[in-house]
């Protein structure tokens, strides 16, 4: 499935294009200064930058080879964690997560979610190793992975916290205070490594104000269901059942009277996994609530990876009938995953590279290109090299990464589209063509008026403003253009629904 994705994903969609551009700025100083415009710390941009500097990132396919390698780290780390913690086979993690279509597409893409989940799994196992056999080298290795984890994905701090709390609880029950101190040191090292990001996080909050629509747990459950309802609808309830079963097994095992040494170690690993599970779920939920940002299915990949490894260590060592049932469920899920997930692996990540290739040839220097919504300008900027001028709605000065700060300035203007409308008018009157990349409503009804932000009822939310800007261009075209029609951009394979854009060709003036 990883190979099929590698050979079919093709171009980089806007989130990937933005991160690659961020990673390849001329200097490390510029990379650091632009970090507030992306969702992740320095680790993934540093890996991409190193890959490109080594001469392997000159084409999209060469970049995707890096994603392919990073994506394969997750099943490898599942095996490593299973061998460290219980010397078994990670059937459940492999079947429910490693073969999950959302996880594969996410892990092989240039976002921090996949690699972040991989590092969480490795951190979980190494923390357990420190709890059992504290030593300088094992603590150093666990601390290094903890630092890499939070340097990959800010939210991973909650999973580091959960693993360390679980370790401290296990050490406290056995009165192994030295091990507890080593475990606390892992978390503190990761926390200290995030201190340089405090100014960056503060700067980012001012821009991400445009995206804060509030977080509702009902919508969050609906979103995560898209990720965990694989390979068949209803698998989300299997996840719920496994979490509840693991908590019950963990509590009952911990309360059982201590037996031989082997049973004591088993009880400790079950306590470790159960505590981490109980801590990570509400911690991550609280983070989502406080962040107030909308989520997508791939946002939950780090959570899925951490939860499933907790389930693995807790449930795999329970009664024989539970172990047999889990093995059957894992084998059935694995058998279904390939035929169900294969079509999704064959989808392109974007059609923007195809659009730009066509416009490089078709658009003349006197034409005008409009890309809508504005954030799609990031991927268009990567691939378009033609002579025709282009813009987004509204016109922004920089499309290398997602510049919410520039968008915020435009939202405070009375009529930010006026330069664009004047350019469209001049282009059509001079018998040149206007190309519109993206969906716009073509309606004879005038669009609603929105007061400059935050004075309208939508406050700082950018979505309503973007919709109205698209409607303004659509209304202008309906009332002033003579001819319009869809310019075909055929694709041999399906295209990622998040960036599958049409092209509208507009000519003539009346």
Protein backbone atom coordinates (compact mmCIF):
# COMPACT_ATOMS: atom_id res chain seq x y z
CA UNK A 1 0.00 0.00 0.00
CA UNK A 2 2.91 2.35 0.70
CA UNK A 3 4.38 1.52 -2.70
CA UNK A 4 1.08 2.15 -4.50
CA UNK A 5 0.77 5.53 -2.79
CA UNK A 6 4.36 6.40 -3.73
CA UNK A 7 3.77 5.62 -7.39
CA UNK A 8 0.37 7.34 -7.66
CA UNK A 9 0.44 10.36 -5.31
CA UNK A 10 2.19 12.60 -7.90
CA UNK A 11 2.24 16.33 -7.05
CA UNK A 12 2.35 17.95 -3.62
CA UNK A 13 -0.90 19.40 -2.36
CA UNK A 14 -0.93 22.77 -0.62
CA UNK A 15 0.04 21.64 2.90
CA UNK A 16 2.94 19.59 1.56
CA UNK A 17 4.03 22.31 -0.87
CA UNK A 18 4.06 24.86 1.95
CA UNK A 19 6.24 22.71 4.19
CA UNK A 20 8.70 21.88 1.41
CA UNK A 21 8.99 25.57 0.54
CA UNK A 22 9.50 26.41 4.20
CA UNK A 23 12.21 23.77 4.46
CA UNK A 24 14.09 25.07 1.42
CA UNK A 25 14.33 28.77 2.24
CA UNK A 26 17.89 30.00 1.57
CA UNK A 27 19.01 30.07 5.21
CA UNK A 28 18.19 28.36 8.48
CA UNK A 29 17.38 31.79 9.92
CA UNK A 30 14.62 32.27 7.36
CA UNK A 31 13.28 28.80 8.07
CA UNK A 32 13.09 29.58 11.77
CA UNK A 33 11.46 32.97 11.19
CA UNK A 34 8.76 31.42 9.01
CA UNK A 35 7.91 28.57 11.42
CA UNK A 36 4.87 30.46 12.82
CA UNK A 37 3.23 29.98 9.43
CA UNK A 38 3.27 26.19 9.70
CA UNK A 39 1.83 23.75 12.20
CA UNK A 40 4.98 21.88 13.23
CA UNK A 41 8.36 22.60 14.86
CA UNK A 42 11.72 22.23 13.17
CA UNK A 43 12.27 18.46 12.85
CA UNK A 44 10.34 17.68 9.66
CA UNK A 45 11.48 20.84 7.81
CA UNK A 46 15.04 19.93 8.83
CA UNK A 47 14.67 16.40 7.44
CA UNK A 48 13.24 17.69 4.16
CA UNK A 49 15.93 20.35 3.90
CA UNK A 50 18.67 17.78 4.47
CA UNK A 51 17.13 15.45 1.88
CA UNK A 52 16.98 18.24 -0.70
CA UNK A 53 20.50 19.48 0.07
CA UNK A 54 21.74 15.92 -0.43
CA UNK A 55 20.41 16.10 -4.00
CA UNK A 56 17.38 13.81 -3.60
CA UNK A 57 14.55 16.38 -3.72
CA UNK A 58 14.71 17.79 -7.22
CA UNK A 59 11.40 16.22 -8.30
CA UNK A 60 8.11 15.41 -6.62
CA UNK A 61 8.86 11.70 -6.85
CA UNK A 62 12.24 12.11 -5.14
CA UNK A 63 10.53 14.00 -2.34
CA UNK A 64 7.89 11.28 -2.05
CA UNK A 65 10.62 8.67 -1.64
CA UNK A 66 11.51 10.44 1.62
CA UNK A 67 7.84 10.30 2.64
CA UNK A 68 7.77 6.61 1.75
CA UNK A 69 10.74 5.92 4.04
CA UNK A 70 9.26 7.95 6.90
CA UNK A 71 5.90 6.20 6.52
CA UNK A 72 7.48 2.75 6.84
CA UNK A 73 8.98 3.72 10.19
CA UNK A 74 5.61 3.34 11.91
CA UNK A 75 5.18 -0.44 11.41
CA UNK A 76 8.86 -0.89 12.25
CA UNK A 77 8.41 0.96 15.53
CA UNK A 78 5.32 -1.11 16.31
CA UNK A 79 7.52 -4.21 16.08
CA UNK A 80 10.24 -2.58 18.20
CA UNK A 81 7.77 -1.52 20.89
CA UNK A 82 6.17 -4.94 21.00
CA UNK A 83 9.53 -6.70 21.35
CA UNK A 84 10.68 -4.33 24.12
CA UNK A 85 7.50 -4.42 26.16
CA UNK A 86 6.13 -7.94 25.77
CA UNK A 87 8.33 -9.86 23.31
CA UNK A 88 5.35 -10.49 21.03
CA UNK A 89 3.90 -9.71 17.62
CA UNK A 90 2.01 -6.38 17.32
CA UNK A 91 -1.01 -7.79 15.50
CA UNK A 92 -3.44 -5.16 16.72
CA UNK A 93 -1.26 -2.10 15.90
CA UNK A 94 -0.36 -3.48 12.49
CA UNK A 95 -3.96 -4.31 11.56
CA UNK A 96 -5.79 -1.29 12.98
CA UNK A 97 -3.23 1.47 12.39
CA UNK A 98 -0.31 0.46 10.16
CA UNK A 99 -2.71 -0.74 7.43
CA UNK A 100 -5.15 2.14 7.88
CA UNK A 101 -5.52 4.14 4.65
CA UNK A 102 -5.64 7.51 6.43
CA UNK A 103 -2.51 6.65 8.41
CA UNK A 104 -0.59 5.58 5.29
CA UNK A 105 -1.55 8.67 3.29
CA UNK A 106 -0.71 10.87 6.27
CA UNK A 107 2.52 9.13 7.21
CA UNK A 108 3.85 9.23 3.65
CA UNK A 109 2.98 12.91 3.21
CA UNK A 110 5.00 15.92 4.32
CA UNK A 111 3.13 16.72 7.51
CA UNK A 112 4.18 16.10 11.09
CA UNK A 113 1.31 13.80 12.02
CA UNK A 114 2.70 10.50 10.72
CA UNK A 115 6.25 10.91 11.97
CA UNK A 116 4.87 12.31 15.21
CA UNK A 117 2.84 9.15 15.76
CA UNK A 118 5.88 7.00 15.02
CA UNK A 119 8.01 8.82 17.59
CA UNK A 120 5.21 8.51 20.15
CA UNK A 121 5.25 4.73 19.79
CA UNK A 122 9.01 4.55 20.18
CA UNK A 123 8.95 6.93 23.15
CA UNK A 124 6.30 4.79 24.87
CA UNK A 125 8.48 1.67 24.64
CA UNK A 126 11.71 3.40 25.66
CA UNK A 127 10.05 5.03 28.66
CA UNK A 128 8.95 1.58 29.81
CA UNK A 129 12.51 0.38 29.41
CA UNK A 130 13.72 3.16 31.72
CA UNK A 131 11.02 2.30 34.25
CA UNK A 132 12.15 -1.32 34.35
CA UNK A 133 15.91 -0.90 34.08
CA UNK A 134 16.99 2.68 34.72
CA UNK A 135 20.40 3.47 33.31
CA UNK A 136 22.12 6.51 31.87
CA UNK A 137 22.18 5.27 28.27
CA UNK A 138 18.55 4.09 28.22
CA UNK A 139 17.41 7.36 29.82
CA UNK A 140 19.48 9.36 27.37
CA UNK A 141 17.96 7.49 24.43
CA UNK A 142 14.41 7.93 25.76
CA UNK A 143 15.06 11.65 26.37
CA UNK A 144 16.39 12.04 22.83
CA UNK A 145 13.29 10.42 21.34
CA UNK A 146 11.08 12.57 23.60
CA UNK A 147 12.81 15.70 22.30
CA UNK A 148 12.47 14.52 18.70
CA UNK A 149 8.79 13.79 19.34
CA UNK A 150 7.92 17.30 20.51
CA UNK A 151 10.22 18.81 17.87
CA UNK A 152 8.13 17.01 15.26
CA UNK A 153 4.69 17.91 16.55
CA UNK A 154 3.77 20.36 19.33
CA UNK A 155 0.82 18.25 20.47
CA UNK A 156 3.14 15.32 21.14
CA UNK A 157 3.93 17.01 24.44
CA UNK A 158 0.67 15.51 25.73
CA UNK A 159 1.77 12.01 24.78
CA UNK A 160 5.19 12.51 26.37
CA UNK A 161 3.33 13.68 29.48
CA UNK A 162 1.09 10.59 29.44
CA UNK A 163 4.03 8.18 29.08
CA UNK A 164 5.99 9.88 31.86
CA UNK A 165 3.00 9.98 34.22
CA UNK A 166 2.46 6.27 33.55
CA UNK A 167 6.10 5.57 34.33
CA UNK A 168 6.01 7.55 37.57
CA UNK A 169 2.85 5.72 38.68
CA UNK A 170 4.48 2.33 38.07
CA UNK A 171 7.66 3.40 39.90
CA UNK A 172 5.68 4.81 42.80
CA UNK A 173 3.74 1.58 43.31
CA UNK A 174 7.05 -0.30 43.53
CA UNK A 175 8.75 2.47 45.54
CA UNK A 176 11.49 2.74 42.92
CA UNK A 177 12.10 6.44 43.34
CA UNK A 178 15.34 6.47 41.36
CA UNK A 179 13.49 5.13 38.31
CA UNK A 180 10.77 7.73 38.88
CA UNK A 181 13.36 10.52 38.78
CA UNK A 182 14.83 9.19 35.54
CA UNK A 183 11.30 9.10 34.07
CA UNK A 184 10.54 12.65 35.16
CA UNK A 185 13.81 13.71 33.54
CA UNK A 186 12.58 12.42 30.18
CA UNK A 187 9.55 14.70 30.30
CA UNK A 188 11.50 17.69 31.59
CA UNK A 189 14.06 17.37 28.80
CA UNK A 190 11.30 17.44 26.20
CA UNK A 191 9.63 20.41 27.92
CA UNK A 192 12.86 22.41 28.02
CA UNK A 193 13.42 21.80 24.31
CA UNK A 194 10.13 23.61 23.58
CA UNK A 195 11.08 26.83 25.40
CA UNK A 196 12.62 28.45 22.27
CA UNK A 197 9.24 28.02 20.54
CA UNK A 198 7.28 30.17 22.99
CA UNK A 199 7.67 33.38 20.91
CA UNK A 200 6.81 31.41 17.76
CA UNK A 201 3.67 29.98 19.34
CA UNK A 202 2.59 33.44 20.51
CA UNK A 203 3.08 34.86 17.01
CA UNK A 204 1.16 31.99 15.45
CA UNK A 205 -1.84 32.55 17.73
CA UNK A 206 -2.43 35.98 16.22
CA UNK A 207 -2.72 34.49 12.73
CA UNK A 208 -4.61 31.32 13.65
CA UNK A 209 -7.28 33.53 15.18
CA UNK A 210 -8.83 33.38 11.71
CA UNK A 211 -9.35 29.63 12.03
CA UNK A 212 -10.67 29.44 15.60
CA UNK A 213 -14.28 28.42 15.11
CA UNK A 214 -14.40 26.53 18.42
CA UNK A 215 -14.16 22.78 18.98
CA UNK A 216 -17.22 20.64 19.57
CA UNK A 217 -16.71 17.07 20.72
CA UNK A 218 -19.57 15.86 18.53
CA UNK A 219 -17.80 17.16 15.42
CA UNK A 220 -14.49 15.86 16.72
CA UNK A 221 -15.98 12.39 17.10
CA UNK A 222 -17.40 12.60 13.59
CA UNK A 223 -13.99 13.57 12.23
CA UNK A 224 -11.98 10.92 14.03
CA UNK A 225 -14.58 8.36 12.94
CA UNK A 226 -13.49 8.95 9.34
CA UNK A 227 -10.02 7.78 10.34
CA UNK A 228 -10.81 4.83 12.61
CA UNK A 229 -13.81 3.53 10.63
CA UNK A 230 -11.43 1.47 8.50
CA UNK A 231 -11.49 -0.97 6.84
CA UNK A 232 -15.26 -1.28 7.38
CA UNK A 233 -17.96 1.05 8.72
CA UNK A 234 -18.55 0.35 12.37
CA UNK A 235 -14.90 -0.21 13.26
CA UNK A 236 -15.08 2.94 15.37
CA UNK A 237 -17.18 0.98 17.83
CA UNK A 238 -14.52 -1.71 17.88
CA UNK A 239 -12.04 0.98 18.95
CA UNK A 240 -14.40 2.16 21.68
CA UNK A 241 -14.93 -1.42 22.89
CA UNK A 242 -11.17 -2.09 22.94
CA UNK A 243 -10.46 1.08 24.95
CA UNK A 244 -13.15 0.22 27.51
CA UNK A 245 -11.96 -3.40 27.67
CA UNK A 246 -8.34 -2.29 28.16
CA UNK A 247 -9.29 0.03 31.02
CA UNK A 248 -11.31 -2.75 32.67
CA UNK A 249 -8.48 -5.28 32.22
CA UNK A 250 -5.95 -2.77 33.51
CA UNK A 251 -7.89 -1.93 36.65
CA UNK A 252 -8.78 -5.54 37.45
CA UNK A 253 -5.20 -6.72 36.86
CA UNK A 254 -3.73 -3.98 39.01
CA UNK A 255 -6.09 -4.71 41.91
CA UNK A 256 -5.33 -8.40 41.80
CA UNK A 257 -2.98 -9.61 44.52
CA UNK A 258 0.68 -9.85 43.56
CA UNK A 259 2.04 -13.24 42.53
CA UNK A 260 5.38 -14.51 41.18
CA UNK A 261 7.98 -12.18 39.73
CA UNK A 262 6.84 -12.83 36.15
CA UNK A 263 3.25 -11.98 37.10
CA UNK A 264 4.51 -8.86 38.88
CA UNK A 265 6.23 -7.62 35.68
CA UNK A 266 3.06 -8.38 33.74
CA UNK A 267 0.99 -6.36 36.21
CA UNK A 268 3.39 -3.44 35.89
CA UNK A 269 3.30 -3.31 32.11
CA UNK A 270 -0.50 -3.49 32.22
CA UNK A 271 -0.56 -0.66 34.76
CA UNK A 272 1.84 1.34 32.58
CA UNK A 273 -0.30 0.93 29.46
CA UNK A 274 -3.59 1.55 31.26
CA UNK A 275 -2.34 4.70 32.99
CA UNK A 276 -0.93 6.11 29.75
CA UNK A 277 -4.25 5.40 28.03
CA UNK A 278 -6.31 7.03 30.76
CA UNK A 279 -4.06 10.11 30.83
CA UNK A 280 -3.61 10.67 27.07
CA UNK A 281 -7.28 10.60 26.03
CA UNK A 282 -8.58 13.44 28.24
CA UNK A 283 -5.32 15.38 27.85
CA UNK A 284 -5.61 15.40 24.08
CA UNK A 285 -9.32 16.24 24.32
CA UNK A 286 -8.57 19.21 26.58
CA UNK A 287 -5.94 20.42 24.11
CA UNK A 288 -8.44 20.26 21.23
CA UNK A 289 -10.99 22.19 23.27
CA UNK A 290 -8.52 24.89 24.24
CA UNK A 291 -7.11 25.19 20.70
CA UNK A 292 -10.60 25.93 19.30
CA UNK A 293 -9.47 24.85 15.84
CA UNK A 294 -11.35 22.61 13.39
CA UNK A 295 -9.81 19.17 12.89
CA UNK A 296 -9.31 16.78 10.00
CA UNK A 297 -9.05 12.96 10.13
CA UNK A 298 -5.25 13.00 9.83
CA UNK A 299 -4.94 15.21 12.93
CA UNK A 300 -5.74 12.11 15.01
CA UNK A 301 -3.01 9.84 13.60
CA UNK A 302 -0.59 10.48 16.54
CA UNK A 303 -3.43 9.72 18.95
CA UNK A 304 -4.33 6.52 17.10
CA UNK A 305 -0.72 5.30 17.15
CA UNK A 306 -0.30 5.99 20.87
CA UNK A 307 -3.66 4.49 21.88
CA UNK A 308 -3.20 1.31 19.87
CA UNK A 309 0.20 0.57 21.41
CA UNK A 310 -1.38 1.04 24.85
CA UNK A 311 -4.14 -1.38 23.86
CA UNK A 312 -1.55 -3.84 22.59
CA UNK A 313 0.41 -4.09 25.83
CA UNK A 314 -2.69 -4.21 28.04
CA UNK A 315 -4.86 -6.65 26.09
CA UNK A 316 -2.27 -8.98 24.57
CA UNK A 317 -1.34 -10.41 27.95
CA UNK A 318 -4.87 -10.87 29.26
CA UNK A 319 -6.87 -14.11 29.24
CA UNK A 320 -6.48 -16.62 26.41
CA UNK A 321 -9.95 -16.03 25.02
CA UNK A 322 -9.32 -12.26 24.80
CA UNK A 323 -5.96 -12.84 23.12
CA UNK A 324 -7.53 -15.28 20.64
CA UNK A 325 -10.37 -12.86 19.89
CA UNK A 326 -7.92 -9.99 19.29
CA UNK A 327 -5.85 -12.16 16.97
CA UNK A 328 -8.95 -13.03 14.94
CA UNK A 329 -10.05 -9.40 14.75
CA UNK A 330 -6.55 -8.33 13.67
CA UNK A 331 -6.30 -10.97 10.97
CA UNK A 332 -9.76 -10.16 9.59
CA UNK A 333 -9.00 -6.42 9.56
CA UNK A 334 -5.66 -7.03 7.85
CA UNK A 335 -7.27 -9.26 5.21
CA UNK A 336 -9.87 -6.62 4.38
CA UNK A 337 -7.58 -3.58 4.59
CA UNK A 338 -5.68 -4.12 1.35
CA UNK A 339 -8.60 -4.48 -1.11
CA UNK A 340 -10.56 -1.72 0.67
CA UNK A 341 -7.67 0.71 0.99
CA UNK A 342 -6.00 0.15 -2.39
CA UNK A 343 -8.30 2.48 -4.40
CA UNK A 344 -7.58 5.32 -1.99
CA UNK A 345 -3.83 4.73 -2.34
CA UNK A 346 -4.18 5.31 -6.10
CA UNK A 347 -5.56 8.84 -5.70
CA UNK A 348 -3.43 11.82 -6.64
CA UNK A 349 -2.76 14.26 -3.82
CA UNK A 350 -3.69 17.21 -6.05
CA UNK A 351 -4.48 18.19 -9.62
CA UNK A 352 -2.83 21.58 -9.22
CA UNK A 353 0.35 20.35 -10.89
CA UNK A 354 -1.73 19.30 -13.92
CA UNK A 355 -3.54 22.63 -13.94
CA UNK A 356 -0.30 24.60 -13.78
CA UNK A 357 1.24 22.50 -16.55
CA UNK A 358 -1.71 23.26 -18.84
CA UNK A 359 -1.72 26.97 -17.97
CA UNK A 360 2.03 27.17 -18.53
CA UNK A 361 1.24 26.30 -22.15
CA UNK A 362 -2.21 27.80 -22.68
CA UNK A 363 -2.23 31.11 -20.76
CA UNK A 364 -0.81 34.06 -22.71
CA UNK A 365 1.08 36.93 -21.13
CA UNK A 366 -1.96 39.22 -21.51
CA UNK A 367 -4.27 36.77 -19.71
CA UNK A 368 -5.09 36.83 -16.02
CA UNK A 369 -5.31 33.87 -13.62
CA UNK A 370 -7.31 33.79 -10.39
CA UNK A 371 -6.82 31.01 -7.83
CA UNK A 372 -9.59 30.46 -5.29
CA UNK A 373 -9.64 29.78 -2.35
CA UNK A 374 -6.58 31.79 -1.42
CA UNK A 375 -4.76 28.93 0.32
CA UNK A 376 -4.58 26.96 -2.93
CA UNK A 377 -2.17 29.63 -4.14
CA UNK A 378 0.59 27.82 -2.20
CA UNK A 379 0.51 24.75 -4.45
CA UNK A 380 -0.15 26.86 -7.58
CA UNK A 381 2.95 28.94 -6.81
CA UNK A 382 5.01 25.74 -6.69
CA UNK A 383 4.05 24.59 -10.17
CA UNK A 384 3.09 27.64 -12.23
CA UNK A 385 5.92 29.12 -14.30
CA UNK A 386 3.97 30.82 -17.08
CA UNK A 387 3.99 34.44 -18.22
CA UNK A 388 0.41 35.38 -17.34
CA UNK A 389 0.02 37.27 -14.05
CA UNK A 390 -1.99 35.56 -11.36
CA UNK A 391 -3.55 36.27 -8.00
CA UNK A 392 -5.68 34.78 -5.27
CA UNK A 393 -8.82 36.20 -3.68
CA UNK A 394 -7.73 38.53 -2.18
CA UNK A 395 -4.36 39.44 -3.67
CA UNK A 396 -1.55 38.54 -1.25
CA UNK A 397 2.12 39.45 -1.48
CA UNK A 398 3.42 35.99 -0.59
CA UNK A 399 2.23 32.50 -1.51
CA UNK A 400 5.26 30.49 -0.49
CA UNK A 401 3.52 29.32 2.69
CA UNK A 402 0.08 29.91 4.20
CA UNK A 403 0.20 33.57 5.19
CA UNK A 404 -2.77 34.01 7.50
CA UNK A 405 -1.16 37.20 8.77
CA UNK A 406 -1.42 38.80 5.32
CA UNK A 407 -4.97 37.52 4.93
CA UNK A 408 -5.90 39.11 8.25
CA UNK A 409 -4.80 42.50 6.94
CA UNK A 410 -6.94 42.09 3.82
CA UNK A 411 -9.97 41.09 5.89
CA UNK A 412 -9.80 44.46 7.65
CA UNK A 413 -10.04 46.38 4.36
CA UNK A 414 -13.27 47.85 3.04
CA UNK A 415 -12.93 46.48 -0.52
CA UNK A 416 -9.92 44.15 -0.84
CA UNK A 417 -11.02 42.77 -4.24
CA UNK A 418 -11.10 46.12 -6.05
CA UNK A 419 -7.63 45.67 -7.68
CA UNK A 420 -8.60 42.18 -8.82
CA UNK A 421 -11.92 43.34 -10.33
CA UNK A 422 -10.15 46.17 -12.16
CA UNK A 423 -7.62 43.71 -13.59
CA UNK A 424 -10.38 41.30 -14.67
CA UNK A 425 -12.22 44.18 -16.36
CA UNK A 426 -9.12 45.39 -18.19
CA UNK A 427 -8.20 41.86 -19.30
CA UNK A 428 -11.62 41.06 -20.75
CA UNK A 429 -11.97 44.47 -22.44
CA UNK A 430 -8.62 43.94 -24.14
CA UNK A 431 -9.89 40.63 -25.62
CA UNK A 432 -7.67 38.51 -23.39
CA UNK A 433 -8.81 35.63 -21.23
CA UNK A 434 -9.40 35.18 -17.51
CA UNK A 435 -8.69 31.75 -16.04
CA UNK A 436 -10.30 30.91 -12.71
CA UNK A 437 -8.78 27.97 -10.84
CA UNK A 438 -11.24 26.80 -8.19
CA UNK A 439 -14.93 26.73 -7.43
CA UNK A 440 -16.83 30.01 -7.60
CA UNK A 441 -20.62 30.48 -7.61
CA UNK A 442 -21.94 31.95 -10.87
CA UNK A 443 -25.04 33.74 -9.64
CA UNK A 444 -26.92 36.75 -10.98
CA UNK A 445 -27.88 37.65 -7.44
CA UNK A 446 -25.50 40.21 -5.86
CA UNK A 447 -23.37 38.71 -3.07
CA UNK A 448 -23.92 39.78 0.54
CA UNK A 449 -21.86 42.58 2.00
CA UNK A 450 -19.49 41.86 4.85
CA UNK A 451 -18.09 44.66 6.94
CA UNK A 452 -14.33 44.69 7.52
CA UNK A 453 -13.27 42.18 10.17
CA UNK A 454 -13.89 41.89 13.03
CA UNK A 455 -16.90 44.20 12.80
CA UNK A 456 -19.18 41.73 11.04
CA UNK A 457 -21.03 38.96 12.84
CA UNK A 458 -18.37 36.45 11.68
CA UNK A 459 -15.65 38.22 13.64
CA UNK A 460 -12.22 36.99 12.50
CA UNK A 461 -13.35 33.80 10.75
CA UNK A 462 -11.86 33.75 7.26
CA UNK A 463 -14.25 31.19 5.72
CA UNK A 464 -17.28 33.48 5.25
CA UNK A 465 -15.07 36.21 3.82
CA UNK A 466 -13.48 33.81 1.35
CA UNK A 467 -16.92 32.62 0.23
CA UNK A 468 -18.14 36.18 -0.31
CA UNK A 469 -14.99 37.06 -2.28
CA UNK A 470 -15.64 34.10 -4.57
CA UNK A 471 -19.26 35.18 -4.96
CA UNK A 472 -18.15 38.72 -5.86
CA UNK A 473 -15.95 37.45 -8.68
CA UNK A 474 -18.71 35.10 -9.85
CA UNK A 475 -21.30 37.90 -9.91
CA UNK A 476 -18.89 40.19 -11.78
CA UNK A 477 -18.30 37.51 -14.43
CA UNK A 478 -22.01 36.75 -14.85
CA UNK A 479 -22.82 40.42 -15.36
CA UNK A 480 -19.84 41.41 -17.55
CA UNK A 481 -18.34 38.39 -19.36
CA UNK A 482 -19.69 37.23 -22.71
CA UNK A 483 -18.59 33.61 -22.60
CA UNK A 484 -17.49 31.16 -19.96
CA UNK A 485 -16.90 27.43 -19.85
CA UNK A 486 -15.08 24.68 -17.99
CA UNK A 487 -11.55 24.04 -19.20
CA UNK A 488 -11.01 20.27 -18.89
CA UNK A 489 -8.22 18.92 -16.67
CA UNK A 490 -8.50 15.14 -17.12
CA UNK A 491 -6.87 12.74 -14.66
CA UNK A 492 -6.29 9.01 -15.12
CA UNK A 493 -6.79 8.44 -11.36
CA UNK A 494 -9.00 9.88 -8.66
CA UNK A 495 -7.83 13.10 -6.99
CA UNK A 496 -7.70 14.03 -3.32
CA UNK A 497 -10.99 15.80 -2.60
CA UNK A 498 -9.19 18.49 -0.60
CA UNK A 499 -7.48 19.79 -3.74
CA UNK A 500 -9.34 18.71 -6.85
CA UNK A 501 -10.06 22.00 -8.57
CA UNK A 502 -11.83 22.90 -11.82
CA UNK A 503 -10.68 25.58 -14.25
CA UNK A 504 -13.14 28.14 -15.64
CA UNK A 505 -12.21 29.98 -18.82
CA UNK A 506 -13.81 33.43 -19.22
CA UNK A 507 -13.69 35.62 -22.35
CA UNK A 508 -15.47 38.65 -23.84
CA UNK A 509 -16.94 41.81 -22.32
CA UNK A 510 -20.36 43.39 -22.26
